[in-house]
Protein backbone atom coordinates (compact mmCIF):
# COMPACT_ATOMS: atom_id res chain seq x y z
CA UNK A 1 0.00 0.00 0.00
CA UNK A 2 1.16 3.50 -0.79
CA UNK A 3 -0.13 7.01 -0.21
CA UNK A 4 -0.75 9.27 -3.20
CA UNK A 5 1.62 12.25 -2.86
CA UNK A 6 -1.17 14.68 -3.81
CA UNK A 7 -4.31 13.49 -2.00
CA UNK A 8 -2.87 10.92 0.47
CA UNK A 9 -5.34 8.29 -0.76
CA UNK A 10 -4.28 4.71 -0.03
CA UNK A 11 -3.54 2.83 -3.26
CA UNK A 12 -2.02 -0.46 -4.34
CA UNK A 13 0.13 1.56 -6.76
CA UNK A 14 0.08 5.01 -8.31
CA UNK A 15 -1.59 4.67 -11.70
CA UNK A 16 -2.08 6.95 -14.67
CA UNK A 17 -5.84 6.42 -14.39
CA UNK A 18 -5.89 7.69 -10.78
CA UNK A 19 -3.73 10.70 -11.64
CA UNK A 20 -5.83 11.70 -14.63
CA UNK A 21 -9.28 11.09 -13.12
CA UNK A 22 -8.65 12.56 -9.67
CA UNK A 23 -5.96 15.19 -10.31
CA UNK A 24 -6.29 15.90 -14.04
CA UNK A 25 -2.59 15.43 -14.80
CA UNK A 26 -0.32 12.61 -15.93
CA UNK A 27 1.41 10.23 -13.55
CA UNK A 28 4.81 11.59 -14.63
CA UNK A 29 3.71 15.16 -13.81
CA UNK A 30 2.53 14.08 -10.33
CA UNK A 31 5.89 12.40 -9.63
CA UNK A 32 7.85 15.42 -10.90
CA UNK A 33 5.70 17.93 -8.99
CA UNK A 34 5.10 16.09 -5.68
CA UNK A 35 7.71 13.34 -5.59
CA UNK A 36 7.34 9.58 -5.51
CA UNK A 37 4.49 8.00 -3.53
CA UNK A 38 5.23 7.04 0.06
CA UNK A 39 5.14 3.31 0.88
CA UNK A 40 2.85 3.04 3.89
CA UNK A 41 4.46 -0.02 5.46
CA UNK A 42 7.96 1.43 5.20
CA UNK A 43 6.97 4.41 7.41
CA UNK A 44 5.62 2.01 10.02
CA UNK A 45 8.64 -0.28 9.76
CA UNK A 46 11.13 2.58 10.10
CA UNK A 47 9.53 3.81 13.34
CA UNK A 48 8.96 0.31 14.68
CA UNK A 49 12.50 -0.91 13.92
CA UNK A 50 14.03 1.68 16.23
CA UNK A 51 12.48 0.04 19.28
CA UNK A 52 12.22 -3.56 18.08
CA UNK A 53 14.74 -4.68 15.45
CA UNK A 54 13.06 -8.08 14.90
CA UNK A 55 9.47 -8.42 13.70
CA UNK A 56 7.80 -11.15 15.69
CA UNK A 57 5.71 -13.84 14.02
CA UNK A 58 2.54 -12.53 15.70
CA UNK A 59 3.18 -9.03 14.33
CA UNK A 60 3.70 -10.40 10.82
CA UNK A 61 0.47 -12.42 11.03
CA UNK A 62 -1.46 -9.36 12.27
CA UNK A 63 -0.05 -7.31 9.40
CA UNK A 64 -1.16 -9.94 6.89
CA UNK A 65 -4.66 -10.10 8.40
CA UNK A 66 -4.95 -6.30 8.28
CA UNK A 67 -3.79 -6.21 4.66
CA UNK A 68 -6.32 -8.90 3.72
CA UNK A 69 -9.09 -6.95 5.45
CA UNK A 70 -8.15 -3.69 3.68
CA UNK A 71 -8.05 -5.39 0.27
CA UNK A 72 -11.31 -7.30 0.80
CA UNK A 73 -14.13 -6.15 -1.45
CA UNK A 74 -16.89 -7.41 0.83
CA UNK A 75 -15.76 -6.13 4.21
CA UNK A 76 -18.45 -4.98 6.58
CA UNK A 77 -18.04 -2.25 9.15
CA UNK A 78 -19.67 -2.27 12.55
CA UNK A 79 -22.28 0.40 13.15
CA UNK A 80 -22.78 2.17 16.45
CA UNK A 81 -24.24 -0.12 19.04
C-alpha atoms as a PDB file:
ATOM      1  CA  UNK A   1       0.000   0.000   0.000  1.00  0.00           C
ATOM      2  CA  UNK A   2       1.162   3.497  -0.794  1.00  0.00           C
ATOM      3  CA  UNK A   3      -0.129   7.006  -0.214  1.00  0.00           C
ATOM      4  CA  UNK A   4      -0.745   9.267  -3.199  1.00  0.00           C
ATOM      5  CA  UNK A   5       1.625  12.248  -2.860  1.00  0.00           C
ATOM      6  CA  UNK A   6      -1.166  14.676  -3.812  1.00  0.00           C
ATOM      7  CA  UNK A   7      -4.311  13.491  -2.003  1.00  0.00           C
ATOM      8  CA  UNK A   8      -2.870  10.916   0.465  1.00  0.00           C
ATOM      9  CA  UNK A   9      -5.343   8.287  -0.764  1.00  0.00           C
ATOM     10  CA  UNK A  10      -4.280   4.709  -0.030  1.00  0.00           C
ATOM     11  CA  UNK A  11      -3.545   2.829  -3.255  1.00  0.00           C
ATOM     12  CA  UNK A  12      -2.017  -0.458  -4.341  1.00  0.00           C
ATOM     13  CA  UNK A  13       0.131   1.560  -6.757  1.00  0.00           C
ATOM     14  CA  UNK A  14       0.075   5.011  -8.309  1.00  0.00           C
ATOM     15  CA  UNK A  15      -1.595   4.669 -11.698  1.00  0.00           C
ATOM     16  CA  UNK A  16      -2.076   6.948 -14.672  1.00  0.00           C
ATOM     17  CA  UNK A  17      -5.845   6.425 -14.391  1.00  0.00           C
ATOM     18  CA  UNK A  18      -5.895   7.693 -10.776  1.00  0.00           C
ATOM     19  CA  UNK A  19      -3.731  10.696 -11.640  1.00  0.00           C
ATOM     20  CA  UNK A  20      -5.832  11.702 -14.634  1.00  0.00           C
ATOM     21  CA  UNK A  21      -9.277  11.089 -13.115  1.00  0.00           C
ATOM     22  CA  UNK A  22      -8.648  12.557  -9.668  1.00  0.00           C
ATOM     23  CA  UNK A  23      -5.965  15.190 -10.309  1.00  0.00           C
ATOM     24  CA  UNK A  24      -6.289  15.898 -14.039  1.00  0.00           C
ATOM     25  CA  UNK A  25      -2.589  15.430 -14.795  1.00  0.00           C
ATOM     26  CA  UNK A  26      -0.321  12.609 -15.930  1.00  0.00           C
ATOM     27  CA  UNK A  27       1.415  10.231 -13.554  1.00  0.00           C
ATOM     28  CA  UNK A  28       4.806  11.590 -14.629  1.00  0.00           C
ATOM     29  CA  UNK A  29       3.708  15.156 -13.812  1.00  0.00           C
ATOM     30  CA  UNK A  30       2.534  14.082 -10.326  1.00  0.00           C
ATOM     31  CA  UNK A  31       5.890  12.400  -9.631  1.00  0.00           C
ATOM     32  CA  UNK A  32       7.849  15.421 -10.903  1.00  0.00           C
ATOM     33  CA  UNK A  33       5.704  17.933  -8.992  1.00  0.00           C
ATOM     34  CA  UNK A  34       5.101  16.089  -5.684  1.00  0.00           C
ATOM     35  CA  UNK A  35       7.712  13.341  -5.587  1.00  0.00           C
ATOM     36  CA  UNK A  36       7.341   9.576  -5.510  1.00  0.00           C
ATOM     37  CA  UNK A  37       4.487   8.002  -3.533  1.00  0.00           C
ATOM     38  CA  UNK A  38       5.233   7.037   0.055  1.00  0.00           C
ATOM     39  CA  UNK A  39       5.142   3.311   0.884  1.00  0.00           C
ATOM     40  CA  UNK A  40       2.848   3.040   3.895  1.00  0.00           C
ATOM     41  CA  UNK A  41       4.459  -0.023   5.462  1.00  0.00           C
ATOM     42  CA  UNK A  42       7.958   1.434   5.203  1.00  0.00           C
ATOM     43  CA  UNK A  43       6.968   4.412   7.414  1.00  0.00           C
ATOM     44  CA  UNK A  44       5.622   2.007  10.020  1.00  0.00           C
ATOM     45  CA  UNK A  45       8.641  -0.280   9.759  1.00  0.00           C
ATOM     46  CA  UNK A  46      11.129   2.580  10.104  1.00  0.00           C
ATOM     47  CA  UNK A  47       9.527   3.814  13.336  1.00  0.00           C
ATOM     48  CA  UNK A  48       8.962   0.311  14.679  1.00  0.00           C
ATOM     49  CA  UNK A  49      12.495  -0.911  13.915  1.00  0.00           C
ATOM     50  CA  UNK A  50      14.034   1.675  16.229  1.00  0.00           C
ATOM     51  CA  UNK A  51      12.484   0.044  19.282  1.00  0.00           C
ATOM     52  CA  UNK A  52      12.217  -3.565  18.079  1.00  0.00           C
ATOM     53  CA  UNK A  53      14.740  -4.678  15.454  1.00  0.00           C
ATOM     54  CA  UNK A  54      13.057  -8.079  14.902  1.00  0.00           C
ATOM     55  CA  UNK A  55       9.470  -8.422  13.701  1.00  0.00           C
ATOM     56  CA  UNK A  56       7.800 -11.152  15.694  1.00  0.00           C
ATOM     57  CA  UNK A  57       5.707 -13.837  14.017  1.00  0.00           C
ATOM     58  CA  UNK A  58       2.544 -12.535  15.695  1.00  0.00           C
ATOM     59  CA  UNK A  59       3.182  -9.029  14.328  1.00  0.00           C
ATOM     60  CA  UNK A  60       3.700 -10.403  10.824  1.00  0.00           C
ATOM     61  CA  UNK A  61       0.471 -12.423  11.030  1.00  0.00           C
ATOM     62  CA  UNK A  62      -1.463  -9.362  12.272  1.00  0.00           C
ATOM     63  CA  UNK A  63      -0.050  -7.309   9.405  1.00  0.00           C
ATOM     64  CA  UNK A  64      -1.156  -9.937   6.893  1.00  0.00           C
ATOM     65  CA  UNK A  65      -4.658 -10.096   8.402  1.00  0.00           C
ATOM     66  CA  UNK A  66      -4.948  -6.302   8.282  1.00  0.00           C
ATOM     67  CA  UNK A  67      -3.794  -6.205   4.655  1.00  0.00           C
ATOM     68  CA  UNK A  68      -6.324  -8.903   3.717  1.00  0.00           C
ATOM     69  CA  UNK A  69      -9.092  -6.949   5.447  1.00  0.00           C
ATOM     70  CA  UNK A  70      -8.149  -3.692   3.679  1.00  0.00           C
ATOM     71  CA  UNK A  71      -8.047  -5.385   0.269  1.00  0.00           C
ATOM     72  CA  UNK A  72     -11.309  -7.297   0.803  1.00  0.00           C
ATOM     73  CA  UNK A  73     -14.127  -6.148  -1.450  1.00  0.00           C
ATOM     74  CA  UNK A  74     -16.890  -7.408   0.833  1.00  0.00           C
ATOM     75  CA  UNK A  75     -15.760  -6.129   4.215  1.00  0.00           C
ATOM     76  CA  UNK A  76     -18.447  -4.985   6.584  1.00  0.00           C
ATOM     77  CA  UNK A  77     -18.045  -2.245   9.147  1.00  0.00           C
ATOM     78  CA  UNK A  78     -19.666  -2.267  12.548  1.00  0.00           C
ATOM     79  CA  UNK A  79     -22.281   0.395  13.145  1.00  0.00           C
ATOM     80  CA  UNK A  80     -22.777   2.174  16.451  1.00  0.00           C
ATOM     81  CA  UNK A  81     -24.241  -0.124  19.039  1.00  0.00           C
END
